Amino acid sequence: LDHPQRGPELVYSLKHDHIQQLTRGFALVCEAEVCREVADTYARQGLIEFSEKHLCSVCQGSDGRAWYKRLILTATYTQKTKLLIVGGDNHVHQQLKQLNRESSGIEWDFVNGANRIDQGAANAKVSHKSAIVLWSGEHLPHSLSNLFKVAADKNEVPISSLAPGQRSVAAVCMSILKSWDVPIASSPNY
């Protein structure tokens, strides 16, 4: 559908009804490998690739949305849907909650870096979780992160860490996938 000289305007020149009939059963995706992986799962007929990310049926122009949908695919398929983030950035916590409202399937639990908690409470939080992310996006005391490391070891729960510079939904999702040993498509640093 991409014309060599005119680009995606060929699609725009069609009436909306004709586009839906033409693309029924196909997934409209951008060039990102993660979007193609996600869309390939749902497309009955195949994929139609666009050069413009905002037209993508997976990410709609957002890397975070693409990686979130990739995480949901893996989590629901493997039945690993209960996730815990210790520390982190409240803005990204809100983004994760919003994405979960759009595409439900994950049960998130968040522990603020300022929380006072003991080993028993950490063990209770970690039990039955599928993965834990230790995220020092805000002040995360070693005493708190160590409690959750011990709890994760005790409960045999995969654990991953995010450095302070990694402040995105995409980084959180990729770290969880990596903790499950899921091969990650080539991706920029988030």
Protein backbone atom coordinates (compact mmCIF):
# COMPACT_ATOMS: atom_id res chain seq x y z
CA LEU A 1 0.00 0.00 0.00
CA ASP A 2 3.03 2.28 0.22
CA HIS A 3 3.57 4.00 -3.10
CA PRO A 4 7.29 4.63 -3.86
CA GLN A 5 6.79 8.33 -4.58
CA ARG A 6 3.58 9.19 -2.76
CA GLY A 7 3.98 6.99 0.32
CA PRO A 8 0.91 6.18 2.38
CA GLU A 9 -1.35 8.72 0.67
CA LEU A 10 -2.72 5.90 -1.48
CA VAL A 11 -4.39 4.51 1.61
CA TYR A 12 -5.66 7.94 2.60
CA SER A 13 -7.21 8.40 -0.85
CA LEU A 14 -9.48 5.39 -0.36
CA LYS A 15 -12.79 5.81 1.40
CA HIS A 16 -12.79 4.55 4.98
CA ASP A 17 -15.23 1.71 4.17
CA HIS A 18 -13.00 0.47 1.37
CA ILE A 19 -9.91 0.43 3.62
CA GLN A 20 -11.73 -1.74 6.17
CA GLN A 21 -12.88 -4.17 3.48
CA LEU A 22 -9.43 -4.24 1.90
CA THR A 23 -7.59 -4.85 5.17
CA ARG A 24 -10.07 -7.22 6.87
CA GLY A 25 -8.12 -10.13 8.36
CA PHE A 26 -4.81 -8.31 8.01
CA ALA A 27 -2.93 -6.53 10.76
CA LEU A 28 -1.66 -3.04 9.97
CA VAL A 29 1.80 -2.69 11.51
CA CYS A 30 4.79 -0.38 11.52
CA GLU A 31 8.36 -1.48 10.86
CA ALA A 32 9.15 -2.36 14.51
CA GLU A 33 9.92 -6.04 15.01
CA VAL A 34 8.00 -6.16 18.29
CA CYS A 35 4.86 -4.89 16.53
CA ARG A 36 5.19 -7.54 13.82
CA GLU A 37 5.58 -10.26 16.50
CA VAL A 38 2.44 -9.14 18.32
CA ALA A 39 0.36 -8.58 15.18
CA ASP A 40 1.39 -11.90 13.68
CA THR A 41 -0.37 -13.63 16.56
CA TYR A 42 -3.72 -12.01 15.74
CA ALA A 43 -3.66 -11.57 11.97
CA ARG A 44 -5.69 -14.16 10.10
CA GLN A 45 -4.55 -13.22 6.60
CA GLY A 46 -1.17 -11.56 7.14
CA LEU A 47 0.49 -8.25 7.87
CA ILE A 48 0.41 -4.98 6.00
CA GLU A 49 3.40 -2.85 6.91
CA PHE A 50 3.19 0.95 7.06
CA SER A 51 6.13 3.30 7.37
CA GLU A 52 4.17 5.59 9.71
CA LYS A 53 4.05 4.37 13.33
CA HIS A 54 0.80 6.15 14.22
CA LEU A 55 -1.06 3.88 11.76
CA CYS A 56 0.19 0.73 13.49
CA SER A 57 -2.59 -1.37 15.03
CA VAL A 58 -0.20 -2.55 17.76
CA CYS A 59 1.77 0.46 19.01
CA GLN A 60 -0.23 3.38 17.56
CA GLY A 61 3.07 5.28 17.68
CA SER A 62 4.04 4.28 21.24
CA ASP A 63 6.98 1.95 21.96
CA GLY A 64 5.60 1.42 25.46
CA ARG A 65 2.25 0.22 24.10
CA ALA A 66 4.02 -2.22 21.73
CA TRP A 67 6.15 -3.75 24.49
CA TYR A 68 3.18 -3.85 26.86
CA LYS A 69 1.17 -5.85 24.32
CA ARG A 70 4.18 -8.16 23.83
CA LEU A 71 4.33 -8.65 27.60
CA ILE A 72 0.60 -9.43 27.75
CA LEU A 73 0.95 -12.03 24.99
CA THR A 74 3.68 -13.86 26.88
CA ALA A 75 2.07 -13.42 30.31
CA THR A 76 -1.31 -14.78 29.27
CA TYR A 77 0.17 -17.63 27.21
CA THR A 78 2.41 -18.74 30.09
CA GLN A 79 -0.15 -17.82 32.78
CA LYS A 80 2.38 -15.50 34.44
CA THR A 81 0.07 -12.57 35.02
CA LYS A 82 0.85 -11.41 38.58
CA LEU A 83 3.68 -8.87 38.53
CA LEU A 84 5.30 -6.72 41.21
CA ILE A 85 7.29 -3.51 40.81
CA VAL A 86 9.35 -2.36 43.79
CA GLY A 87 10.30 1.31 43.54
CA GLY A 88 10.07 3.11 40.25
CA ASP A 89 8.44 6.16 38.87
CA ASN A 90 4.81 6.97 39.76
CA HIS A 91 4.21 8.42 36.28
CA VAL A 92 5.18 5.10 34.67
CA HIS A 93 3.09 3.22 37.25
CA GLN A 94 0.10 5.26 36.06
CA GLN A 95 0.96 4.54 32.41
CA LEU A 96 1.06 0.80 33.15
CA LYS A 97 -2.34 1.02 34.85
CA GLN A 98 -3.76 2.92 31.86
CA LEU A 99 -2.38 0.38 29.38
CA ASN A 100 -3.85 -2.39 31.52
CA ARG A 101 -7.27 -0.73 31.24
CA GLU A 102 -6.86 -0.73 27.43
CA SER A 103 -5.53 -4.31 27.24
CA SER A 104 -6.25 -6.15 30.45
CA GLY A 105 -4.61 -9.37 31.48
CA ILE A 106 -1.95 -8.44 34.01
CA GLU A 107 -2.38 -7.99 37.77
CA TRP A 108 0.06 -5.27 38.84
CA ASP A 109 1.23 -4.65 42.39
CA PHE A 110 3.43 -1.67 43.26
CA VAL A 111 5.59 -1.03 46.32
CA ASN A 112 6.73 2.55 46.73
CA GLY A 113 10.40 3.03 47.58
CA ALA A 114 9.39 5.00 50.69
CA ASN A 115 7.31 2.15 52.16
CA ARG A 116 8.38 0.65 55.46
CA ILE A 117 8.08 -3.10 55.20
CA ASP A 118 9.49 -6.15 56.99
CA GLN A 119 10.60 -9.54 55.65
CA GLY A 120 7.24 -11.17 56.40
CA ALA A 121 5.36 -8.52 54.44
CA ALA A 122 7.85 -8.78 51.56
CA ASN A 123 7.41 -12.57 51.50
CA ALA A 124 3.63 -12.14 51.39
CA LYS A 125 3.85 -9.60 48.55
CA VAL A 126 6.14 -11.87 46.52
CA SER A 127 4.25 -15.14 47.02
CA HIS A 128 2.32 -16.12 43.89
CA LYS A 129 4.00 -13.42 41.76
CA SER A 130 5.33 -14.31 38.31
CA ALA A 131 8.09 -11.68 38.24
CA ILE A 132 9.51 -8.82 40.28
CA VAL A 133 11.13 -5.65 38.99
CA LEU A 134 13.46 -3.77 41.33
CA TRP A 135 13.48 -0.26 39.95
CA SER A 136 15.61 2.50 41.35
CA GLY A 137 13.84 5.20 39.33
CA GLU A 138 13.22 6.97 42.61
CA HIS A 139 15.07 6.48 45.88
CA LEU A 140 15.03 2.75 46.56
CA PRO A 141 16.83 1.88 49.79
CA HIS A 142 19.03 -1.21 49.70
CA SER A 143 17.30 -2.41 52.84
CA LEU A 144 13.98 -2.53 50.94
CA SER A 145 15.36 -4.06 47.74
CA ASN A 146 17.25 -6.68 49.77
CA LEU A 147 14.01 -7.77 51.48
CA PHE A 148 12.46 -8.43 48.08
CA LYS A 149 15.57 -10.20 46.76
CA VAL A 150 15.41 -12.60 49.72
CA ALA A 151 11.66 -13.09 49.21
CA ALA A 152 12.15 -13.72 45.47
CA ASP A 153 14.84 -16.32 46.16
CA LYS A 154 12.65 -18.02 48.76
CA ASN A 155 9.65 -18.15 46.40
CA GLU A 156 11.74 -18.87 43.26
CA VAL A 157 10.35 -15.81 41.49
CA PRO A 158 12.36 -14.27 38.63
CA ILE A 159 13.70 -10.84 39.48
CA SER A 160 15.04 -8.08 37.26
CA SER A 161 16.52 -4.66 37.95
CA LEU A 162 16.13 -1.34 36.20
CA ALA A 163 18.76 1.35 36.53
CA PRO A 164 17.75 4.96 37.29
CA GLY A 165 18.11 5.99 33.62
CA GLN A 166 15.56 3.44 32.42
CA ARG A 167 12.28 5.25 32.94
CA SER A 168 9.81 3.87 30.45
CA VAL A 169 7.04 1.34 30.10
CA ALA A 170 9.06 -0.34 27.35
CA ALA A 171 12.05 -0.81 29.68
CA VAL A 172 9.85 -2.33 32.41
CA CYS A 173 8.19 -4.74 29.98
CA MET A 174 11.47 -5.77 28.36
CA SER A 175 13.09 -6.41 31.74
CA ILE A 176 10.23 -8.72 32.75
CA LEU A 177 10.40 -10.59 29.44
CA LYS A 178 14.17 -10.99 29.83
CA SER A 179 13.71 -12.34 33.37
CA TRP A 180 11.51 -15.05 31.80
CA ASP A 181 14.27 -15.79 29.24
CA VAL A 182 12.10 -14.57 26.36
CA PRO A 183 14.22 -13.64 23.33
CA ILE A 184 13.90 -9.91 22.77
CA ALA A 185 13.87 -8.46 19.27
CA SER A 186 16.53 -5.90 18.51
CA SER A 187 15.42 -2.78 20.29
CA PRO A 188 16.79 0.64 21.13
CA ASN A 189 17.74 1.41 24.71
CA TYR A 190 14.69 2.53 26.69
